[in-house]
Amino acid sequence: MDQATIIITRLVFGLVFSVVIGWLAYRRRSLSRSGIAGAVITGTVIFGLGGLLAGLLLIAFFVSSSALSHYRAGRKQDVAEKFDKTARRDLGQALANGGVAAVAAALSGAWLWSAPHPPQPAGAPWILLGALVGALATVNADTWATEIGVLSKHPPRLVTRLSRVVEPGTSGGITLMGTLAALAGAAFIGAMALLLCALLWAVAGLLPGQNVAQPLALRWSQDPGVWLANIPAPGVAAGFPLAGLLAIALAAPIAGLIGAMADSVLGATVQGVYYDASRRKETEKPVGRDGMPNPLARGWRWLNNDWVNFISSLAGAVAAALIVGLTQ
């Protein structure tokens, strides 16, 4: 099986899985109709070009963050009025949360397509996988911080001036509970990467003929990468790649927390924030409940929450790629 056939087959599987998961999420009110399209786009690219490990990590992010979005939703209702988006993700949110990971997966797929035999440089696929994990760790950290932090009994403080207490839901406001939740959310993605990879490697080791490419096998062919991820696996490299996975598991919480803090700093400085005169409060929503536009209170009008999520996930991806790159 050549690289082109491998990638096309993975894209087809990715499309099917993404459609099924998107529809189920829509029925569970975790996605809007446009959000289904975003989930299908990012899911197809991440699974098809990044491999099964990348696709499962995307599912882990989506399931955990969606579950937390619905956790104690009643208590969050008043704070949710400030946010530009709701717990039901739309197209913009889906692309903002998965866009950087999708780019990392696409670059990983391009490497797989063009890699010589033996593939060089050897560290490139690990760095790209690190970037993908860092991006997902960041958006998961940000979601966990938001969904758990707003439940804190202590008022948040502005990240750029910790002496200033702000109202819950204020852009750039952080709490100790939210910060610890961000760290936990990022670490969760790293732990899932290690756990899922170990599980998939174990399944691959039980399959006969590891050097023979079979479309449904969760393993690799003699070409660099089939289903697991675009990195060496049983039959190609000796044993379980513990060093590479440990580097990624370590990079995830560090990079995720860096990305989440970048999100807060952007929210406190340049993100577009509006003033809702009817509620006499700041809000991320450019339009009030009465349909009238809210005046801009601070920040850049174009820099909405989706762009902030995208930029912060990019920061997390770069941080993780650098950390993993130093270990190669």
C-alpha atoms as a PDB file:
ATOM      1  CA  MET A   1       0.000   0.000   0.000  1.00  0.00           C
ATOM      2  CA  ASP A   2       1.588   3.301  -1.067  1.00  0.00           C
ATOM      3  CA  GLN A   3       1.352   6.587   0.827  1.00  0.00           C
ATOM      4  CA  ALA A   4      -1.367   8.050  -1.412  1.00  0.00           C
ATOM      5  CA  THR A   5      -3.655   5.058  -0.870  1.00  0.00           C
ATOM      6  CA  ILE A   6      -2.963   5.137   2.862  1.00  0.00           C
ATOM      7  CA  ILE A   7      -3.896   8.810   3.196  1.00  0.00           C
ATOM      8  CA  ILE A   8      -6.987   8.567   0.970  1.00  0.00           C
ATOM      9  CA  THR A   9      -8.228   5.556   2.942  1.00  0.00           C
ATOM     10  CA  ARG A  10      -7.629   7.350   6.250  1.00  0.00           C
ATOM     11  CA  LEU A  11      -9.451  10.447   4.959  1.00  0.00           C
ATOM     12  CA  VAL A  12     -12.489   8.333   4.057  1.00  0.00           C
ATOM     13  CA  PHE A  13     -12.530   6.745   7.508  1.00  0.00           C
ATOM     14  CA  GLY A  14     -12.034  10.174   9.080  1.00  0.00           C
ATOM     15  CA  LEU A  15     -14.966  11.593   7.130  1.00  0.00           C
ATOM     16  CA  VAL A  16     -17.288   8.770   8.148  1.00  0.00           C
ATOM     17  CA  PHE A  17     -16.311   8.943  11.824  1.00  0.00           C
ATOM     18  CA  SER A  18     -16.547  12.742  11.887  1.00  0.00           C
ATOM     19  CA  VAL A  19     -20.033  12.754  10.371  1.00  0.00           C
ATOM     20  CA  VAL A  20     -21.248  10.180  12.907  1.00  0.00           C
ATOM     21  CA  ILE A  21     -19.685  11.981  15.878  1.00  0.00           C
ATOM     22  CA  GLY A  22     -20.858  15.393  14.638  1.00  0.00           C
ATOM     23  CA  TRP A  23     -24.430  14.162  14.299  1.00  0.00           C
ATOM     24  CA  LEU A  24     -24.399  12.581  17.758  1.00  0.00           C
ATOM     25  CA  ALA A  25     -22.995  15.801  19.216  1.00  0.00           C
ATOM     26  CA  TYR A  26     -25.721  17.789  17.491  1.00  0.00           C
ATOM     27  CA  ARG A  27     -28.366  15.517  18.980  1.00  0.00           C
ATOM     28  CA  ARG A  28     -26.741  16.022  22.391  1.00  0.00           C
ATOM     29  CA  ARG A  29     -26.874  19.799  21.816  1.00  0.00           C
ATOM     30  CA  SER A  30     -23.097  20.112  21.967  1.00  0.00           C
ATOM     31  CA  LEU A  31     -22.883  21.331  18.343  1.00  0.00           C
ATOM     32  CA  SER A  32     -25.018  23.638  16.243  1.00  0.00           C
ATOM     33  CA  ARG A  33     -25.750  22.773  12.613  1.00  0.00           C
ATOM     34  CA  SER A  34     -22.817  24.832  11.417  1.00  0.00           C
ATOM     35  CA  GLY A  35     -20.741  23.204  14.157  1.00  0.00           C
ATOM     36  CA  ILE A  36     -21.302  19.834  12.496  1.00  0.00           C
ATOM     37  CA  ALA A  37     -19.561  21.180   9.394  1.00  0.00           C
ATOM     38  CA  GLY A  38     -16.644  22.428  11.482  1.00  0.00           C
ATOM     39  CA  ALA A  39     -16.355  19.090  13.276  1.00  0.00           C
ATOM     40  CA  VAL A  40     -16.406  17.201   9.971  1.00  0.00           C
ATOM     41  CA  ILE A  41     -13.715  19.430   8.437  1.00  0.00           C
ATOM     42  CA  THR A  42     -11.325  19.301  11.374  1.00  0.00           C
ATOM     43  CA  GLY A  43     -12.054  15.666  12.199  1.00  0.00           C
ATOM     44  CA  THR A  44     -11.486  14.477   8.639  1.00  0.00           C
ATOM     45  CA  VAL A  45      -8.182  16.325   8.318  1.00  0.00           C
ATOM     46  CA  ILE A  46      -6.889  15.365  11.765  1.00  0.00           C
ATOM     47  CA  PHE A  47      -7.797  11.691  11.453  1.00  0.00           C
ATOM     48  CA  GLY A  48      -7.005  11.385   7.753  1.00  0.00           C
ATOM     49  CA  LEU A  49      -3.653  13.141   7.798  1.00  0.00           C
ATOM     50  CA  GLY A  50      -2.633  12.792  11.437  1.00  0.00           C
ATOM     51  CA  GLY A  51      -3.556   9.179  12.066  1.00  0.00           C
ATOM     52  CA  LEU A  52      -5.746   7.264  14.486  1.00  0.00           C
ATOM     53  CA  LEU A  53      -3.941   8.560  17.589  1.00  0.00           C
ATOM     54  CA  ALA A  54      -4.571  12.168  16.523  1.00  0.00           C
ATOM     55  CA  GLY A  55      -8.224  11.443  15.767  1.00  0.00           C
ATOM     56  CA  LEU A  56      -8.806   9.805  19.133  1.00  0.00           C
ATOM     57  CA  LEU A  57      -7.157  12.742  20.922  1.00  0.00           C
ATOM     58  CA  LEU A  58      -9.552  15.100  19.127  1.00  0.00           C
ATOM     59  CA  ILE A  59     -12.459  12.972  20.351  1.00  0.00           C
ATOM     60  CA  ALA A  60     -11.037  13.015  23.901  1.00  0.00           C
ATOM     61  CA  PHE A  61     -10.908  16.816  23.812  1.00  0.00           C
ATOM     62  CA  PHE A  62     -14.393  17.170  22.408  1.00  0.00           C
ATOM     63  CA  VAL A  63     -16.058  14.681  24.756  1.00  0.00           C
ATOM     64  CA  SER A  64     -14.420  16.034  27.927  1.00  0.00           C
ATOM     65  CA  SER A  65     -14.945  19.697  27.067  1.00  0.00           C
ATOM     66  CA  SER A  66     -18.553  19.143  25.981  1.00  0.00           C
ATOM     67  CA  ALA A  67     -19.310  17.255  29.195  1.00  0.00           C
ATOM     68  CA  LEU A  68     -17.898  20.110  31.276  1.00  0.00           C
ATOM     69  CA  SER A  69     -19.874  22.656  29.246  1.00  0.00           C
ATOM     70  CA  HIS A  70     -23.066  21.003  30.480  1.00  0.00           C
ATOM     71  CA  TYR A  71     -21.793  20.492  34.036  1.00  0.00           C
ATOM     72  CA  ARG A  72     -23.801  22.652  36.464  1.00  0.00           C
ATOM     73  CA  ALA A  73     -25.095  24.672  33.536  1.00  0.00           C
ATOM     74  CA  GLY A  74     -27.713  26.366  35.715  1.00  0.00           C
ATOM     75  CA  ARG A  75     -25.106  27.937  37.985  1.00  0.00           C
ATOM     76  CA  LYS A  76     -23.186  29.190  34.942  1.00  0.00           C
ATOM     77  CA  GLN A  77     -26.162  30.801  33.228  1.00  0.00           C
ATOM     78  CA  ASP A  78     -25.608  34.343  34.479  1.00  0.00           C
ATOM     79  CA  VAL A  79     -21.912  34.260  33.647  1.00  0.00           C
ATOM     80  CA  ALA A  80     -22.640  32.716  30.239  1.00  0.00           C
ATOM     81  CA  GLU A  81     -24.489  35.886  29.262  1.00  0.00           C
ATOM     82  CA  LYS A  82     -21.089  37.588  28.991  1.00  0.00           C
ATOM     83  CA  PHE A  83     -19.589  35.058  26.599  1.00  0.00           C
ATOM     84  CA  ASP A  84     -19.724  35.563  22.856  1.00  0.00           C
ATOM     85  CA  LYS A  85     -20.552  31.878  22.282  1.00  0.00           C
ATOM     86  CA  THR A  86     -22.624  29.293  24.129  1.00  0.00           C
ATOM     87  CA  ALA A  87     -21.881  25.696  25.097  1.00  0.00           C
ATOM     88  CA  ARG A  88     -23.311  24.633  21.729  1.00  0.00           C
ATOM     89  CA  ARG A  89     -20.286  25.056  19.454  1.00  0.00           C
ATOM     90  CA  ASP A  90     -20.735  26.598  16.011  1.00  0.00           C
ATOM     91  CA  LEU A  91     -18.544  26.529  12.880  1.00  0.00           C
ATOM     92  CA  GLY A  92     -16.262  29.292  14.116  1.00  0.00           C
ATOM     93  CA  GLN A  93     -15.647  27.598  17.448  1.00  0.00           C
ATOM     94  CA  ALA A  94     -14.992  24.222  15.851  1.00  0.00           C
ATOM     95  CA  LEU A  95     -12.442  25.680  13.436  1.00  0.00           C
ATOM     96  CA  ALA A  96     -10.852  27.844  16.130  1.00  0.00           C
ATOM     97  CA  ASN A  97     -10.473  24.904  18.505  1.00  0.00           C
ATOM     98  CA  GLY A  98      -9.329  22.349  15.935  1.00  0.00           C
ATOM     99  CA  GLY A  99      -7.766  24.510  13.230  1.00  0.00           C
ATOM    100  CA  VAL A 100      -4.173  24.531  14.466  1.00  0.00           C
ATOM    101  CA  ALA A 101      -4.290  20.795  15.217  1.00  0.00           C
ATOM    102  CA  ALA A 102      -5.633  20.244  11.703  1.00  0.00           C
ATOM    103  CA  VAL A 103      -2.725  22.224  10.215  1.00  0.00           C
ATOM    104  CA  ALA A 104      -0.257  20.140  12.251  1.00  0.00           C
ATOM    105  CA  ALA A 105      -1.976  16.971  11.000  1.00  0.00           C
ATOM    106  CA  ALA A 106      -1.841  18.231   7.405  1.00  0.00           C
ATOM    107  CA  LEU A 107       1.893  18.944   7.713  1.00  0.00           C
ATOM    108  CA  SER A 108       2.356  15.491   9.214  1.00  0.00           C
ATOM    109  CA  GLY A 109       0.472  13.973   6.287  1.00  0.00           C
ATOM    110  CA  ALA A 110       2.599  15.969   3.845  1.00  0.00           C
ATOM    111  CA  TRP A 111       5.704  14.594   5.547  1.00  0.00           C
ATOM    112  CA  LEU A 112       4.328  11.062   5.206  1.00  0.00           C
ATOM    113  CA  TRP A 113       3.588  11.668   1.533  1.00  0.00           C
ATOM    114  CA  SER A 114       7.036  13.019   0.668  1.00  0.00           C
ATOM    115  CA  ALA A 115       9.300  11.206   3.162  1.00  0.00           C
ATOM    116  CA  PRO A 116      12.241   9.351   1.588  1.00  0.00           C
ATOM    117  CA  HIS A 117      13.183   5.807   2.591  1.00  0.00           C
ATOM    118  CA  PRO A 118      14.304   5.695   5.329  1.00  0.00           C
ATOM    119  CA  PRO A 119      12.408   8.822   6.352  1.00  0.00           C
ATOM    120  CA  GLN A 120      14.517  11.860   7.257  1.00  0.00           C
ATOM    121  CA  PRO A 121      14.724  13.873   9.418  1.00  0.00           C
ATOM    122  CA  ALA A 122      13.753  11.283  12.015  1.00  0.00           C
ATOM    123  CA  GLY A 123      12.503  13.856  14.546  1.00  0.00           C
ATOM    124  CA  ALA A 124      10.094  15.663  12.206  1.00  0.00           C
ATOM    125  CA  PRO A 125       7.031  13.438  12.821  1.00  0.00           C
ATOM    126  CA  TRP A 126       7.503  13.637  16.587  1.00  0.00           C
ATOM    127  CA  ILE A 127       7.714  17.432  16.475  1.00  0.00           C
ATOM    128  CA  LEU A 128       4.552  17.639  14.371  1.00  0.00           C
ATOM    129  CA  LEU A 129       2.712  15.242  16.686  1.00  0.00           C
ATOM    130  CA  GLY A 130       3.900  17.381  19.587  1.00  0.00           C
ATOM    131  CA  ALA A 131       2.461  20.471  17.913  1.00  0.00           C
ATOM    132  CA  LEU A 132      -0.872  18.735  17.399  1.00  0.00           C
ATOM    133  CA  VAL A 133      -0.982  17.588  21.033  1.00  0.00           C
ATOM    134  CA  GLY A 134       0.043  21.065  22.231  1.00  0.00           C
ATOM    135  CA  ALA A 135      -2.780  22.679  20.277  1.00  0.00           C
ATOM    136  CA  LEU A 136      -5.385  20.263  21.640  1.00  0.00           C
ATOM    137  CA  ALA A 137      -3.935  20.576  25.161  1.00  0.00           C
ATOM    138  CA  THR A 138      -4.355  24.364  24.949  1.00  0.00           C
ATOM    139  CA  VAL A 139      -7.985  24.380  23.839  1.00  0.00           C
ATOM    140  CA  ASN A 140      -8.803  21.679  26.376  1.00  0.00           C
ATOM    141  CA  ALA A 141      -7.040  23.646  29.121  1.00  0.00           C
ATOM    142  CA  ASP A 142      -8.929  26.808  28.175  1.00  0.00           C
ATOM    143  CA  THR A 143     -12.277  25.005  28.154  1.00  0.00           C
ATOM    144  CA  TRP A 144     -11.674  23.293  31.494  1.00  0.00           C
ATOM    145  CA  ALA A 145     -10.475  26.581  33.017  1.00  0.00           C
ATOM    146  CA  THR A 146     -13.598  28.405  31.843  1.00  0.00           C
ATOM    147  CA  GLU A 147     -16.131  25.731  32.745  1.00  0.00           C
ATOM    148  CA  ILE A 148     -14.671  25.008  36.190  1.00  0.00           C
ATOM    149  CA  GLY A 149     -13.214  28.415  37.008  1.00  0.00           C
ATOM    150  CA  VAL A 150     -16.577  30.183  36.844  1.00  0.00           C
ATOM    151  CA  LEU A 151     -17.753  27.939  39.683  1.00  0.00           C
ATOM    152  CA  SER A 152     -15.017  29.196  42.011  1.00  0.00           C
ATOM    153  CA  LYS A 153     -16.202  30.692  45.302  1.00  0.00           C
ATOM    154  CA  HIS A 154     -13.439  33.280  45.044  1.00  0.00           C
ATOM    155  CA  PRO A 155     -13.748  36.161  42.566  1.00  0.00           C
ATOM    156  CA  PRO A 156     -11.338  36.147  39.608  1.00  0.00           C
ATOM    157  CA  ARG A 157      -8.427  38.539  39.246  1.00  0.00           C
ATOM    158  CA  LEU A 158      -7.210  40.175  36.059  1.00  0.00           C
ATOM    159  CA  VAL A 159      -4.255  38.195  34.707  1.00  0.00           C
ATOM    160  CA  THR A 160      -2.330  41.351  33.790  1.00  0.00           C
ATOM    161  CA  ARG A 161      -2.929  42.953  37.195  1.00  0.00           C
ATOM    162  CA  LEU A 162      -3.525  40.348  39.872  1.00  0.00           C
ATOM    163  CA  SER A 163      -4.375  42.957  42.486  1.00  0.00           C
ATOM    164  CA  ARG A 164      -7.529  43.855  40.552  1.00  0.00           C
ATOM    165  CA  VAL A 165     -10.637  41.792  41.312  1.00  0.00           C
ATOM    166  CA  VAL A 166     -13.081  41.432  38.397  1.00  0.00           C
ATOM    167  CA  GLU A 167     -16.518  39.898  37.923  1.00  0.00           C
ATOM    168  CA  PRO A 168     -16.818  36.208  36.991  1.00  0.00           C
ATOM    169  CA  GLY A 169     -16.762  35.757  33.239  1.00  0.00           C
ATOM    170  CA  THR A 170     -14.644  38.855  32.592  1.00  0.00           C
ATOM    171  CA  SER A 171     -12.223  38.374  29.698  1.00  0.00           C
ATOM    172  CA  GLY A 172      -8.745  37.923  31.161  1.00  0.00           C
ATOM    173  CA  GLY A 173     -10.006  37.037  34.635  1.00  0.00           C
ATOM    174  CA  ILE A 174      -8.386  34.012  36.281  1.00  0.00           C
ATOM    175  CA  THR A 175      -8.885  32.067  39.512  1.00  0.00           C
ATOM    176  CA  LEU A 176      -6.721  29.499  41.268  1.00  0.00           C
ATOM    177  CA  MET A 177      -9.409  26.890  40.625  1.00  0.00           C
ATOM    178  CA  GLY A 178      -9.528  27.788  36.937  1.00  0.00           C
ATOM    179  CA  THR A 179      -5.737  27.736  36.606  1.00  0.00           C
ATOM    180  CA  LEU A 180      -5.512  24.303  38.210  1.00  0.00           C
ATOM    181  CA  ALA A 181      -8.334  23.142  35.938  1.00  0.00           C
ATOM    182  CA  ALA A 182      -6.369  24.417  32.922  1.00  0.00           C
ATOM    183  CA  LEU A 183      -3.315  22.470  34.021  1.00  0.00           C
ATOM    184  CA  ALA A 184      -5.449  19.359  34.553  1.00  0.00           C
ATOM    185  CA  GLY A 185      -7.119  19.747  31.149  1.00  0.00           C
ATOM    186  CA  ALA A 186      -3.770  20.031  29.385  1.00  0.00           C
ATOM    187  CA  ALA A 187      -2.301  17.117  31.349  1.00  0.00           C
ATOM    188  CA  PHE A 188      -5.377  15.058  30.447  1.00  0.00           C
ATOM    189  CA  ILE A 189      -4.533  15.346  26.733  1.00  0.00           C
ATOM    190  CA  GLY A 190      -0.917  14.354  27.379  1.00  0.00           C
ATOM    191  CA  ALA A 191      -1.975  11.384  29.491  1.00  0.00           C
ATOM    192  CA  MET A 192      -4.484  10.315  26.844  1.00  0.00           C
ATOM    193  CA  ALA A 193      -1.764  10.474  24.177  1.00  0.00           C
ATOM    194  CA  LEU A 194       0.422   8.130  26.228  1.00  0.00           C
ATOM    195  CA  LEU A 195      -2.447   5.809  27.175  1.00  0.00           C
ATOM    196  CA  LEU A 196      -3.983   5.597  23.706  1.00  0.00           C
ATOM    197  CA  CYS A 197      -0.631   5.039  22.062  1.00  0.00           C
ATOM    198  CA  ALA A 198       0.176   2.223  24.489  1.00  0.00           C
ATOM    199  CA  LEU A 199      -3.223   0.662  23.853  1.00  0.00           C
ATOM    200  CA  LEU A 200      -2.927   0.915  20.075  1.00  0.00           C
ATOM    201  CA  TRP A 201       0.601  -0.451  20.152  1.00  0.00           C
ATOM    202  CA  ALA A 202      -0.644  -3.395  22.209  1.00  0.00           C
ATOM    203  CA  VAL A 203      -3.410  -4.065  19.670  1.00  0.00           C
ATOM    204  CA  ALA A 204      -0.905  -3.769  16.824  1.00  0.00           C
ATOM    205  CA  GLY A 205       1.415  -6.237  18.540  1.00  0.00           C
ATOM    206  CA  LEU A 206      -1.340  -8.877  18.592  1.00  0.00           C
ATOM    207  CA  LEU A 207      -1.849  -8.700  14.835  1.00  0.00           C
ATOM    208  CA  PRO A 208       0.027 -11.184  12.639  1.00  0.00           C
ATOM    209  CA  GLY A 209       2.303 -10.113   9.810  1.00  0.00           C
ATOM    210  CA  GLN A 210       3.173  -6.660  11.072  1.00  0.00           C
ATOM    211  CA  ASN A 211       5.160  -5.853   7.937  1.00  0.00           C
ATOM    212  CA  VAL A 212       2.220  -6.554   5.610  1.00  0.00           C
ATOM    213  CA  ALA A 213      -0.087  -3.587   4.981  1.00  0.00           C
ATOM    214  CA  GLN A 214      -3.770  -4.322   5.554  1.00  0.00           C
ATOM    215  CA  PRO A 215      -6.318  -1.449   5.373  1.00  0.00           C
ATOM    216  CA  LEU A 216      -8.178  -2.391   8.560  1.00  0.00           C
ATOM    217  CA  ALA A 217      -5.118  -3.180  10.687  1.00  0.00           C
ATOM    218  CA  LEU A 218      -4.272  -0.741  13.471  1.00  0.00           C
ATOM    219  CA  ARG A 219      -0.564  -0.918  12.662  1.00  0.00           C
ATOM    220  CA  TRP A 220       2.071   0.141  10.174  1.00  0.00           C
ATOM    221  CA  SER A 221       3.381  -1.143   6.877  1.00  0.00           C
ATOM    222  CA  GLN A 222       6.972  -0.986   5.678  1.00  0.00           C
ATOM    223  CA  ASP A 223       6.164   2.565   4.579  1.00  0.00           C
ATOM    224  CA  PRO A 224       6.416   5.226   7.349  1.00  0.00           C
ATOM    225  CA  GLY A 225       3.012   5.232   8.986  1.00  0.00           C
ATOM    226  CA  VAL A 226      -0.377   3.703   8.263  1.00  0.00           C
ATOM    227  CA  TRP A 227      -2.971   4.112  10.987  1.00  0.00           C
ATOM    228  CA  LEU A 228      -1.507   4.882  14.374  1.00  0.00           C
ATOM    229  CA  ALA A 229       0.353   8.135  13.730  1.00  0.00           C
ATOM    230  CA  ASN A 230       3.033   9.315  11.346  1.00  0.00           C
ATOM    231  CA  ILE A 231       5.814   8.005  13.564  1.00  0.00           C
ATOM    232  CA  PRO A 232       7.682   4.643  13.775  1.00  0.00           C
ATOM    233  CA  ALA A 233       5.763   1.710  15.188  1.00  0.00           C
ATOM    234  CA  PRO A 234       6.029  -2.092  15.661  1.00  0.00           C
ATOM    235  CA  GLY A 235       7.538  -3.826  12.654  1.00  0.00           C
ATOM    236  CA  VAL A 236       9.443  -0.675  11.651  1.00  0.00           C
ATOM    237  CA  ALA A 237      11.176   0.429  14.867  1.00  0.00           C
ATOM    238  CA  ALA A 238      12.192  -1.673  17.824  1.00  0.00           C
ATOM    239  CA  GLY A 239       9.643  -1.707  20.620  1.00  0.00           C
ATOM    240  CA  PHE A 240       7.374   0.902  22.126  1.00  0.00           C
ATOM    241  CA  PRO A 241       8.634   4.486  21.558  1.00  0.00           C
ATOM    242  CA  LEU A 242       8.520   5.387  25.252  1.00  0.00           C
ATOM    243  CA  ALA A 243      10.947   8.306  25.063  1.00  0.00           C
ATOM    244  CA  GLY A 244       8.986  10.142  22.361  1.00  0.00           C
ATOM    245  CA  LEU A 245       5.629   9.631  24.051  1.00  0.00           C
ATOM    246  CA  LEU A 246       6.956  10.682  27.451  1.00  0.00           C
ATOM    247  CA  ALA A 247       8.280  13.880  25.871  1.00  0.00           C
ATOM    248  CA  ILE A 248       4.841  14.614  24.430  1.00  0.00           C
ATOM    249  CA  ALA A 249       3.093  13.719  27.711  1.00  0.00           C
ATOM    250  CA  LEU A 250       5.416  16.155  29.501  1.00  0.00           C
ATOM    251  CA  ALA A 251       5.059  18.869  26.857  1.00  0.00           C
ATOM    252  CA  ALA A 252       1.244  18.792  26.914  1.00  0.00           C
ATOM    253  CA  PRO A 253       0.629  20.315  30.396  1.00  0.00           C
ATOM    254  CA  ILE A 254       3.419  22.881  29.994  1.00  0.00           C
ATOM    255  CA  ALA A 255       2.384  23.980  26.513  1.00  0.00           C
ATOM    256  CA  GLY A 256      -1.317  23.807  27.357  1.00  0.00           C
ATOM    257  CA  LEU A 257      -0.874  26.086  30.351  1.00  0.00           C
ATOM    258  CA  ILE A 258       1.228  28.501  28.274  1.00  0.00           C
ATOM    259  CA  GLY A 259      -1.504  28.609  25.638  1.00  0.00           C
ATOM    260  CA  ALA A 260      -4.256  29.061  28.232  1.00  0.00           C
ATOM    261  CA  MET A 261      -2.363  31.943  29.839  1.00  0.00           C
ATOM    262  CA  ALA A 262      -1.897  33.500  26.385  1.00  0.00           C
ATOM    263  CA  ASP A 263      -5.668  33.260  25.952  1.00  0.00           C
ATOM    264  CA  SER A 264      -6.213  35.120  29.238  1.00  0.00           C
ATOM    265  CA  VAL A 265      -3.641  37.805  28.426  1.00  0.00           C
ATOM    266  CA  LEU A 266      -5.245  38.436  25.031  1.00  0.00           C
ATOM    267  CA  GLY A 267      -8.640  38.592  26.719  1.00  0.00           C
ATOM    268  CA  ALA A 268      -7.383  41.154  29.223  1.00  0.00           C
ATOM    269  CA  THR A 269      -5.642  43.383  26.664  1.00  0.00           C
ATOM    270  CA  VAL A 270      -6.685  43.334  23.006  1.00  0.00           C
ATOM    271  CA  GLN A 271      -9.742  41.078  22.654  1.00  0.00           C
ATOM    272  CA  GLY A 272     -12.836  42.996  21.615  1.00  0.00           C
ATOM    273  CA  VAL A 273     -15.058  43.591  24.655  1.00  0.00           C
ATOM    274  CA  TYR A 274     -18.374  45.433  24.496  1.00  0.00           C
ATOM    275  CA  TYR A 275     -20.679  47.184  26.955  1.00  0.00           C
ATOM    276  CA  ASP A 276     -24.221  45.912  27.325  1.00  0.00           C
ATOM    277  CA  ALA A 277     -26.200  48.956  28.495  1.00  0.00           C
ATOM    278  CA  SER A 278     -29.326  46.910  29.270  1.00  0.00           C
ATOM    279  CA  ARG A 279     -27.407  44.742  31.743  1.00  0.00           C
ATOM    280  CA  ARG A 280     -24.848  47.402  32.666  1.00  0.00           C
ATOM    281  CA  LYS A 281     -22.046  44.892  32.220  1.00  0.00           C
ATOM    282  CA  GLU A 282     -19.175  44.151  29.879  1.00  0.00           C
ATOM    283  CA  THR A 283     -19.740  41.343  27.398  1.00  0.00           C
ATOM    284  CA  GLU A 284     -17.990  39.596  24.521  1.00  0.00           C
ATOM    285  CA  LYS A 285     -21.191  39.813  22.475  1.00  0.00           C
ATOM    286  CA  PRO A 286     -21.210  42.567  19.832  1.00  0.00           C
ATOM    287  CA  VAL A 287     -25.029  42.478  19.714  1.00  0.00           C
ATOM    288  CA  GLY A 288     -27.337  42.691  22.724  1.00  0.00           C
ATOM    289  CA  ARG A 289     -30.389  40.579  23.457  1.00  0.00           C
ATOM    290  CA  ASP A 290     -32.557  43.350  22.022  1.00  0.00           C
ATOM    291  CA  GLY A 291     -30.792  43.059  18.655  1.00  0.00           C
ATOM    292  CA  MET A 292     -29.047  46.399  19.016  1.00  0.00           C
ATOM    293  CA  PRO A 293     -25.259  46.581  18.584  1.00  0.00           C
ATOM    294  CA  ASN A 294     -23.261  46.947  21.792  1.00  0.00           C
ATOM    295  CA  PRO A 295     -20.632  49.720  21.785  1.00  0.00           C
ATOM    296  CA  LEU A 296     -17.007  48.624  21.869  1.00  0.00           C
ATOM    297  CA  ALA A 297     -15.604  49.138  25.372  1.00  0.00           C
ATOM    298  CA  ARG A 298     -12.011  48.079  24.741  1.00  0.00           C
ATOM    299  CA  GLY A 299      -9.789  45.979  22.519  1.00  0.00           C
ATOM    300  CA  TRP A 300      -9.870  45.264  18.799  1.00  0.00           C
ATOM    301  CA  ARG A 301     -13.269  44.673  17.247  1.00  0.00           C
ATOM    302  CA  TRP A 302     -12.010  41.933  14.883  1.00  0.00           C
ATOM    303  CA  LEU A 303     -10.326  39.941  17.670  1.00  0.00           C
ATOM    304  CA  ASN A 304     -13.256  37.923  18.939  1.00  0.00           C
ATOM    305  CA  ASN A 305     -13.184  34.797  21.107  1.00  0.00           C
ATOM    306  CA  ASP A 306     -12.678  32.480  18.127  1.00  0.00           C
ATOM    307  CA  TRP A 307      -9.533  34.317  17.035  1.00  0.00           C
ATOM    308  CA  VAL A 308      -8.251  34.350  20.605  1.00  0.00           C
ATOM    309  CA  ASN A 309      -8.740  30.578  20.824  1.00  0.00           C
ATOM    310  CA  PHE A 310      -6.953  30.073  17.507  1.00  0.00           C
ATOM    311  CA  ILE A 311      -3.975  32.266  18.445  1.00  0.00           C
ATOM    312  CA  SER A 312      -3.603  30.724  21.888  1.00  0.00           C
ATOM    313  CA  SER A 313      -3.753  27.194  20.464  1.00  0.00           C
ATOM    314  CA  LEU A 314      -1.028  28.219  18.016  1.00  0.00           C
ATOM    315  CA  ALA A 315       1.093  29.382  20.961  1.00  0.00           C
ATOM    316  CA  GLY A 316       0.545  26.030  22.686  1.00  0.00           C
ATOM    317  CA  ALA A 317       1.418  24.124  19.514  1.00  0.00           C
ATOM    318  CA  VAL A 318       4.678  26.040  19.059  1.00  0.00           C
ATOM    319  CA  ALA A 319       5.613  25.570  22.721  1.00  0.00           C
ATOM    320  CA  ALA A 320       5.001  21.813  22.578  1.00  0.00           C
ATOM    321  CA  ALA A 321       6.874  21.459  19.283  1.00  0.00           C
ATOM    322  CA  LEU A 322       9.893  23.224  20.794  1.00  0.00           C
ATOM    323  CA  ILE A 323       9.822  21.032  23.913  1.00  0.00           C
ATOM    324  CA  VAL A 324       9.552  17.807  21.903  1.00  0.00           C
ATOM    325  CA  GLY A 325      12.155  19.037  19.409  1.00  0.00           C
ATOM    326  CA  LEU A 326      14.702  19.502  22.194  1.00  0.00           C
ATOM    327  CA  THR A 327      14.365  15.805  23.073  1.00  0.00           C
ATOM    328  CA  GLN A 328      15.021  14.525  19.543  1.00  0.00           C
END
